[in-house]
Amino acid sequence: MLMLRATIAGVSLLALSLAACTTPAPQVAASVSPAAKPMRAAVALEDKYATSSDGVKIHYVASGSGRWW
């Protein structure tokens, strides 16, 4: 019986903790339509591969322009 109460208390505490972590959805003004929101430009993505000296092939995705360092 004591184990059941401890389990219920733990689950309840976990549920309350997770509920406190949620953020409310942003409110949109009634006069602004969702289509009127500015959209970000699409970024070109490029699949690349690097091979180490011992033959391990690593995939990565590159984007953007300019210096990387």
PDB file of N, CA and C in Angstrom:
ATOM      1  N   MET A   1       0.829  -1.199   0.000  1.00  0.00           N
ATOM      2  CA  MET A   1       0.000   0.000   0.000  1.00  0.00           C
ATOM      3  C   MET A   1       0.868   1.256   0.000  1.00  0.00           C
ATOM      4  N   LEU A   2       1.957   1.219   0.781  1.00  0.00           N
ATOM      5  CA  LEU A   2       2.856   2.366   0.838  1.00  0.00           C
ATOM      6  C   LEU A   2       3.539   2.584  -0.517  1.00  0.00           C
ATOM      7  N   MET A   3       3.881   1.490  -1.184  1.00  0.00           N
ATOM      8  CA  MET A   3       4.525   1.568  -2.495  1.00  0.00           C
ATOM      9  C   MET A   3       3.571   2.182  -3.523  1.00  0.00           C
ATOM     10  N   LEU A   4       2.304   1.839  -3.462  1.00  0.00           N
ATOM     11  CA  LEU A   4       1.301   2.388  -4.372  1.00  0.00           C
ATOM     12  C   LEU A   4       1.155   3.889  -4.164  1.00  0.00           C
ATOM     13  N   ARG A   5       1.106   4.323  -2.928  1.00  0.00           N
ATOM     14  CA  ARG A   5       0.980   5.764  -2.638  1.00  0.00           C
ATOM     15  C   ARG A   5       2.207   6.522  -3.126  1.00  0.00           C
ATOM     16  N   ALA A   6       3.385   5.947  -2.929  1.00  0.00           N
ATOM     17  CA  ALA A   6       4.609   6.606  -3.383  1.00  0.00           C
ATOM     18  C   ALA A   6       4.631   6.703  -4.910  1.00  0.00           C
ATOM     19  N   THR A   7       4.175   5.672  -5.583  1.00  0.00           N
ATOM     20  CA  THR A   7       4.132   5.675  -7.045  1.00  0.00           C
ATOM     21  C   THR A   7       3.146   6.720  -7.548  1.00  0.00           C
ATOM     22  N   ILE A   8       1.978   6.780  -6.943  1.00  0.00           N
ATOM     23  CA  ILE A   8       0.966   7.768  -7.347  1.00  0.00           C
ATOM     24  C   ILE A   8       1.474   9.175  -7.088  1.00  0.00           C
ATOM     25  N   ALA A   9       2.124   9.389  -5.955  1.00  0.00           N
ATOM     26  CA  ALA A   9       2.669  10.710  -5.643  1.00  0.00           C
ATOM     27  C   ALA A   9       3.758  11.087  -6.648  1.00  0.00           C
ATOM     28  N   GLY A  10       4.609  10.142  -7.019  1.00  0.00           N
ATOM     29  CA  GLY A  10       5.673  10.420  -7.984  1.00  0.00           C
ATOM     30  C   GLY A  10       5.136  10.744  -9.360  1.00  0.00           C
ATOM     31  N   VAL A  11       4.156   9.991  -9.799  1.00  0.00           N
ATOM     32  CA  VAL A  11       3.552  10.241 -11.105  1.00  0.00           C
ATOM     33  C   VAL A  11       2.839  11.589 -11.114  1.00  0.00           C
ATOM     34  N   SER A  12       2.164  11.921 -10.038  1.00  0.00           N
ATOM     35  CA  SER A  12       1.471  13.211  -9.941  1.00  0.00           C
ATOM     36  C   SER A  12       2.465  14.365  -9.977  1.00  0.00           C
ATOM     37  N   LEU A  13       3.575  14.229  -9.262  1.00  0.00           N
ATOM     38  CA  LEU A  13       4.601  15.261  -9.254  1.00  0.00           C
ATOM     39  C   LEU A  13       5.220  15.427 -10.634  1.00  0.00           C
ATOM     40  N   LEU A  14       5.460  14.320 -11.310  1.00  0.00           N
ATOM     41  CA  LEU A  14       6.002  14.368 -12.662  1.00  0.00           C
ATOM     42  C   LEU A  14       5.026  15.069 -13.610  1.00  0.00           C
ATOM     43  N   ALA A  15       3.753  14.748 -13.526  1.00  0.00           N
ATOM     44  CA  ALA A  15       2.743  15.365 -14.392  1.00  0.00           C
ATOM     45  C   ALA A  15       2.658  16.863 -14.148  1.00  0.00           C
ATOM     46  N   LEU A  16       2.707  17.282 -12.904  1.00  0.00           N
ATOM     47  CA  LEU A  16       2.662  18.716 -12.591  1.00  0.00           C
ATOM     48  C   LEU A  16       3.912  19.428 -13.092  1.00  0.00           C
ATOM     49  N   SER A  17       5.051  18.774 -12.967  1.00  0.00           N
ATOM     50  CA  SER A  17       6.292  19.372 -13.450  1.00  0.00           C
ATOM     51  C   SER A  17       6.260  19.556 -14.962  1.00  0.00           C
ATOM     52  N   LEU A  18       5.785  18.554 -15.674  1.00  0.00           N
ATOM     53  CA  LEU A  18       5.707  18.657 -17.133  1.00  0.00           C
ATOM     54  C   LEU A  18       4.682  19.697 -17.569  1.00  0.00           C
ATOM     55  N   ALA A  19       3.592  19.809 -16.835  1.00  0.00           N
ATOM     56  CA  ALA A  19       2.569  20.801 -17.179  1.00  0.00           C
ATOM     57  C   ALA A  19       3.104  22.215 -16.993  1.00  0.00           C
ATOM     58  N   ALA A  20       3.986  22.410 -16.039  1.00  0.00           N
ATOM     59  CA  ALA A  20       4.558  23.732 -15.798  1.00  0.00           C
ATOM     60  C   ALA A  20       5.547  24.121 -16.882  1.00  0.00           C
ATOM     61  N   CYS A  21       6.069  23.167 -17.613  1.00  0.00           N
ATOM     62  CA  CYS A  21       7.066  23.436 -18.652  1.00  0.00           C
ATOM     63  C   CYS A  21       6.454  23.855 -19.976  1.00  0.00           C
ATOM     64  N   THR A  22       5.179  23.673 -20.161  1.00  0.00           N
ATOM     65  CA  THR A  22       4.560  24.007 -21.436  1.00  0.00           C
ATOM     66  C   THR A  22       4.449  25.519 -21.588  1.00  0.00           C
ATOM     67  N   THR A  23       4.506  25.985 -22.816  1.00  0.00           N
ATOM     68  CA  THR A  23       4.352  27.403 -23.093  1.00  0.00           C
ATOM     69  C   THR A  23       3.043  27.607 -23.841  1.00  0.00           C
ATOM     70  N   PRO A  24       2.369  28.705 -23.571  1.00  0.00           N
ATOM     71  CA  PRO A  24       1.111  28.948 -24.269  1.00  0.00           C
ATOM     72  C   PRO A  24       1.368  29.273 -25.742  1.00  0.00           C
ATOM     73  N   ALA A  25       0.409  28.960 -26.581  1.00  0.00           N
ATOM     74  CA  ALA A  25       0.512  29.258 -28.005  1.00  0.00           C
ATOM     75  C   ALA A  25       0.474  30.768 -28.202  1.00  0.00           C
ATOM     76  N   PRO A  26       1.248  31.288 -29.151  1.00  0.00           N
ATOM     77  CA  PRO A  26       1.228  32.736 -29.382  1.00  0.00           C
ATOM     78  C   PRO A  26      -0.140  33.179 -29.884  1.00  0.00           C
ATOM     79  N   GLN A  27      -0.566  34.314 -29.414  1.00  0.00           N
ATOM     80  CA  GLN A  27      -1.853  34.857 -29.805  1.00  0.00           C
ATOM     81  C   GLN A  27      -1.691  35.705 -31.062  1.00  0.00           C
ATOM     82  N   VAL A  28      -2.541  35.480 -32.036  1.00  0.00           N
ATOM     83  CA  VAL A  28      -2.529  36.237 -33.276  1.00  0.00           C
ATOM     84  C   VAL A  28      -3.689  37.218 -33.229  1.00  0.00           C
ATOM     85  N   ALA A  29      -3.397  38.455 -33.570  1.00  0.00           N
ATOM     86  CA  ALA A  29      -4.449  39.471 -33.568  1.00  0.00           C
ATOM     87  C   ALA A  29      -5.537  39.089 -34.569  1.00  0.00           C
ATOM     88  N   ALA A  30      -6.783  39.387 -34.234  1.00  0.00           N
ATOM     89  CA  ALA A  30      -7.909  39.002 -35.080  1.00  0.00           C
ATOM     90  C   ALA A  30      -7.874  39.729 -36.422  1.00  0.00           C
ATOM     91  N   SER A  31      -7.271  40.939 -36.474  1.00  0.00           N
ATOM     92  CA  SER A  31      -7.263  41.707 -37.717  1.00  0.00           C
ATOM     93  C   SER A  31      -6.161  41.256 -38.673  1.00  0.00           C
ATOM     94  N   VAL A  32      -5.214  40.450 -38.212  1.00  0.00           N
ATOM     95  CA  VAL A  32      -4.114  39.998 -39.061  1.00  0.00           C
ATOM     96  C   VAL A  32      -4.366  38.555 -39.467  1.00  0.00           C
ATOM     97  N   SER A  33      -4.412  38.323 -40.758  1.00  0.00           N
ATOM     98  CA  SER A  33      -4.617  36.959 -41.218  1.00  0.00           C
ATOM     99  C   SER A  33      -3.296  36.208 -41.156  1.00  0.00           C
ATOM    100  N   PRO A  34      -3.332  34.897 -40.944  1.00  0.00           N
ATOM    101  CA  PRO A  34      -2.082  34.128 -40.904  1.00  0.00           C
ATOM    102  C   PRO A  34      -1.286  34.225 -42.201  1.00  0.00           C
ATOM    103  N   ALA A  35      -1.955  34.456 -43.325  1.00  0.00           N
ATOM    104  CA  ALA A  35      -1.265  34.558 -44.607  1.00  0.00           C
ATOM    105  C   ALA A  35      -0.467  35.856 -44.712  1.00  0.00           C
ATOM    106  N   ALA A  36      -0.781  36.855 -43.883  1.00  0.00           N
ATOM    107  CA  ALA A  36      -0.108  38.141 -43.950  1.00  0.00           C
ATOM    108  C   ALA A  36       1.222  38.134 -43.204  1.00  0.00           C
ATOM    109  N   LYS A  37       1.544  37.057 -42.497  1.00  0.00           N
ATOM    110  CA  LYS A  37       2.809  37.006 -41.768  1.00  0.00           C
ATOM    111  C   LYS A  37       3.964  36.949 -42.758  1.00  0.00           C
ATOM    112  N   PRO A  38       5.050  37.656 -42.462  1.00  0.00           N
ATOM    113  CA  PRO A  38       6.197  37.591 -43.373  1.00  0.00           C
ATOM    114  C   PRO A  38       6.815  36.206 -43.345  1.00  0.00           C
ATOM    115  N   MET A  39       7.226  35.726 -44.511  1.00  0.00           N
ATOM    116  CA  MET A  39       7.820  34.401 -44.603  1.00  0.00           C
ATOM    117  C   MET A  39       9.321  34.552 -44.799  1.00  0.00           C
ATOM    118  N   ARG A  40      10.070  33.631 -44.218  1.00  0.00           N
ATOM    119  CA  ARG A  40      11.510  33.634 -44.393  1.00  0.00           C
ATOM    120  C   ARG A  40      11.847  33.000 -45.739  1.00  0.00           C
ATOM    121  N   ALA A  41      12.882  33.522 -46.356  1.00  0.00           N
ATOM    122  CA  ALA A  41      13.315  32.977 -47.644  1.00  0.00           C
ATOM    123  C   ALA A  41      13.885  31.582 -47.440  1.00  0.00           C
ATOM    124  N   ALA A  42      13.662  30.734 -48.413  1.00  0.00           N
ATOM    125  CA  ALA A  42      14.201  29.378 -48.341  1.00  0.00           C
ATOM    126  C   ALA A  42      15.715  29.425 -48.471  1.00  0.00           C
ATOM    127  N   VAL A  43      16.379  28.596 -47.706  1.00  0.00           N
ATOM    128  CA  VAL A  43      17.835  28.529 -47.727  1.00  0.00           C
ATOM    129  C   VAL A  43      18.245  27.310 -48.532  1.00  0.00           C
ATOM    130  N   ALA A  44      19.195  27.498 -49.429  1.00  0.00           N
ATOM    131  CA  ALA A  44      19.683  26.381 -50.229  1.00  0.00           C
ATOM    132  C   ALA A  44      20.514  25.450 -49.348  1.00  0.00           C
ATOM    133  N   LEU A  45      20.214  24.173 -49.384  1.00  0.00           N
ATOM    134  CA  LEU A  45      20.950  23.172 -48.617  1.00  0.00           C
ATOM    135  C   LEU A  45      21.721  22.294 -49.582  1.00  0.00           C
ATOM    136  N   GLU A  46      22.926  21.905 -49.169  1.00  0.00           N
ATOM    137  CA  GLU A  46      23.766  21.079 -50.019  1.00  0.00           C
ATOM    138  C   GLU A  46      24.275  19.884 -49.222  1.00  0.00           C
ATOM    139  N   ASP A  47      23.995  18.679 -49.713  1.00  0.00           N
ATOM    140  CA  ASP A  47      24.496  17.465 -49.066  1.00  0.00           C
ATOM    141  C   ASP A  47      25.968  17.293 -49.408  1.00  0.00           C
ATOM    142  N   LYS A  48      26.769  17.051 -48.370  1.00  0.00           N
ATOM    143  CA  LYS A  48      28.203  16.838 -48.577  1.00  0.00           C
ATOM    144  C   LYS A  48      28.647  15.643 -47.763  1.00  0.00           C
ATOM    145  N   TYR A  49      29.799  15.106 -48.132  1.00  0.00           N
ATOM    146  CA  TYR A  49      30.366  13.955 -47.436  1.00  0.00           C
ATOM    147  C   TYR A  49      31.847  14.211 -47.168  1.00  0.00           C
ATOM    148  N   ALA A  50      32.286  13.758 -46.020  1.00  0.00           N
ATOM    149  CA  ALA A  50      33.709  13.811 -45.683  1.00  0.00           C
ATOM    150  C   ALA A  50      34.136  12.394 -45.337  1.00  0.00           C
ATOM    151  N   THR A  51      35.329  12.012 -45.808  1.00  0.00           N
ATOM    152  CA  THR A  51      35.843  10.675 -45.531  1.00  0.00           C
ATOM    153  C   THR A  51      37.111  10.810 -44.704  1.00  0.00           C
ATOM    154  N   SER A  52      37.143  10.131 -43.558  1.00  0.00           N
ATOM    155  CA  SER A  52      38.319  10.197 -42.693  1.00  0.00           C
ATOM    156  C   SER A  52      39.421   9.298 -43.244  1.00  0.00           C
ATOM    157  N   SER A  53      40.606   9.409 -42.642  1.00  0.00           N
ATOM    158  CA  SER A  53      41.753   8.630 -43.121  1.00  0.00           C
ATOM    159  C   SER A  53      41.559   7.127 -42.949  1.00  0.00           C
ATOM    160  N   ASP A  54      40.701   6.719 -41.990  1.00  0.00           N
ATOM    161  CA  ASP A  54      40.462   5.282 -41.803  1.00  0.00           C
ATOM    162  C   ASP A  54      39.241   4.788 -42.577  1.00  0.00           C
ATOM    163  N   GLY A  55      38.679   5.624 -43.457  1.00  0.00           N
ATOM    164  CA  GLY A  55      37.615   5.190 -44.350  1.00  0.00           C
ATOM    165  C   GLY A  55      36.197   5.439 -43.871  1.00  0.00           C
ATOM    166  N   VAL A  56      36.009   6.122 -42.754  1.00  0.00           N
ATOM    167  CA  VAL A  56      34.659   6.415 -42.262  1.00  0.00           C
ATOM    168  C   VAL A  56      34.084   7.581 -43.056  1.00  0.00           C
ATOM    169  N   LYS A  57      32.909   7.370 -43.641  1.00  0.00           N
ATOM    170  CA  LYS A  57      32.247   8.391 -44.452  1.00  0.00           C
ATOM    171  C   LYS A  57      31.212   9.104 -43.587  1.00  0.00           C
ATOM    172  N   ILE A  58      31.307  10.438 -43.521  1.00  0.00           N
ATOM    173  CA  ILE A  58      30.401  11.245 -42.696  1.00  0.00           C
ATOM    174  C   ILE A  58      29.588  12.154 -43.613  1.00  0.00           C
ATOM    175  N   HIS A  59      28.272  12.137 -43.431  1.00  0.00           N
ATOM    176  CA  HIS A  59      27.371  12.990 -44.197  1.00  0.00           C
ATOM    177  C   HIS A  59      27.094  14.253 -43.396  1.00  0.00           C
ATOM    178  N   TYR A  60      27.095  15.421 -44.077  1.00  0.00           N
ATOM    179  CA  TYR A  60      26.690  16.661 -43.431  1.00  0.00           C
ATOM    180  C   TYR A  60      25.974  17.532 -44.452  1.00  0.00           C
ATOM    181  N   VAL A  61      25.232  18.507 -43.956  1.00  0.00           N
ATOM    182  CA  VAL A  61      24.472  19.416 -44.809  1.00  0.00           C
ATOM    183  C   VAL A  61      25.042  20.810 -44.630  1.00  0.00           C
ATOM    184  N   ALA A  62      25.382  21.456 -45.732  1.00  0.00           N
ATOM    185  CA  ALA A  62      25.943  22.788 -45.699  1.00  0.00           C
ATOM    186  C   ALA A  62      24.928  23.797 -46.239  1.00  0.00           C
ATOM    187  N   SER A  63      24.931  24.999 -45.672  1.00  0.00           N
ATOM    188  CA  SER A  63      24.055  26.064 -46.151  1.00  0.00           C
ATOM    189  C   SER A  63      24.708  27.404 -45.863  1.00  0.00           C
ATOM    190  N   GLY A  64      24.218  28.412 -46.482  1.00  0.00           N
ATOM    191  CA  GLY A  64      24.714  29.753 -46.232  1.00  0.00           C
ATOM    192  C   GLY A  64      25.814  30.148 -47.189  1.00  0.00           C
ATOM    193  N   SER A  65      26.419  31.300 -46.906  1.00  0.00           N
ATOM    194  CA  SER A  65      27.486  31.796 -47.757  1.00  0.00           C
ATOM    195  C   SER A  65      28.479  32.544 -46.878  1.00  0.00           C
ATOM    196  N   GLY A  66      29.632  32.813 -47.441  1.00  0.00           N
ATOM    197  CA  GLY A  66      30.642  33.553 -46.714  1.00  0.00           C
ATOM    198  C   GLY A  66      31.613  32.662 -45.992  1.00  0.00           C
ATOM    199  N   ARG A  67      32.445  33.286 -45.181  1.00  0.00           N
ATOM    200  CA  ARG A  67      33.465  32.549 -44.442  1.00  0.00           C
ATOM    201  C   ARG A  67      32.827  31.714 -43.341  1.00  0.00           C
ATOM    202  N   TRP A  68      33.367  30.554 -43.091  1.00  0.00           N
ATOM    203  CA  TRP A  68      32.819  29.663 -42.065  1.00  0.00           C
ATOM    204  C   TRP A  68      33.591  29.757 -40.766  1.00  0.00           C
ATOM    205  N   TRP A  69      34.678  30.470 -40.693  1.00  0.00           N
ATOM    206  CA  TRP A  69      35.439  30.553 -39.449  1.00  0.00           C
ATOM    207  C   TRP A  69      35.333  31.865 -38.798  1.00  0.00           C
TER     208      TRP A  69
END
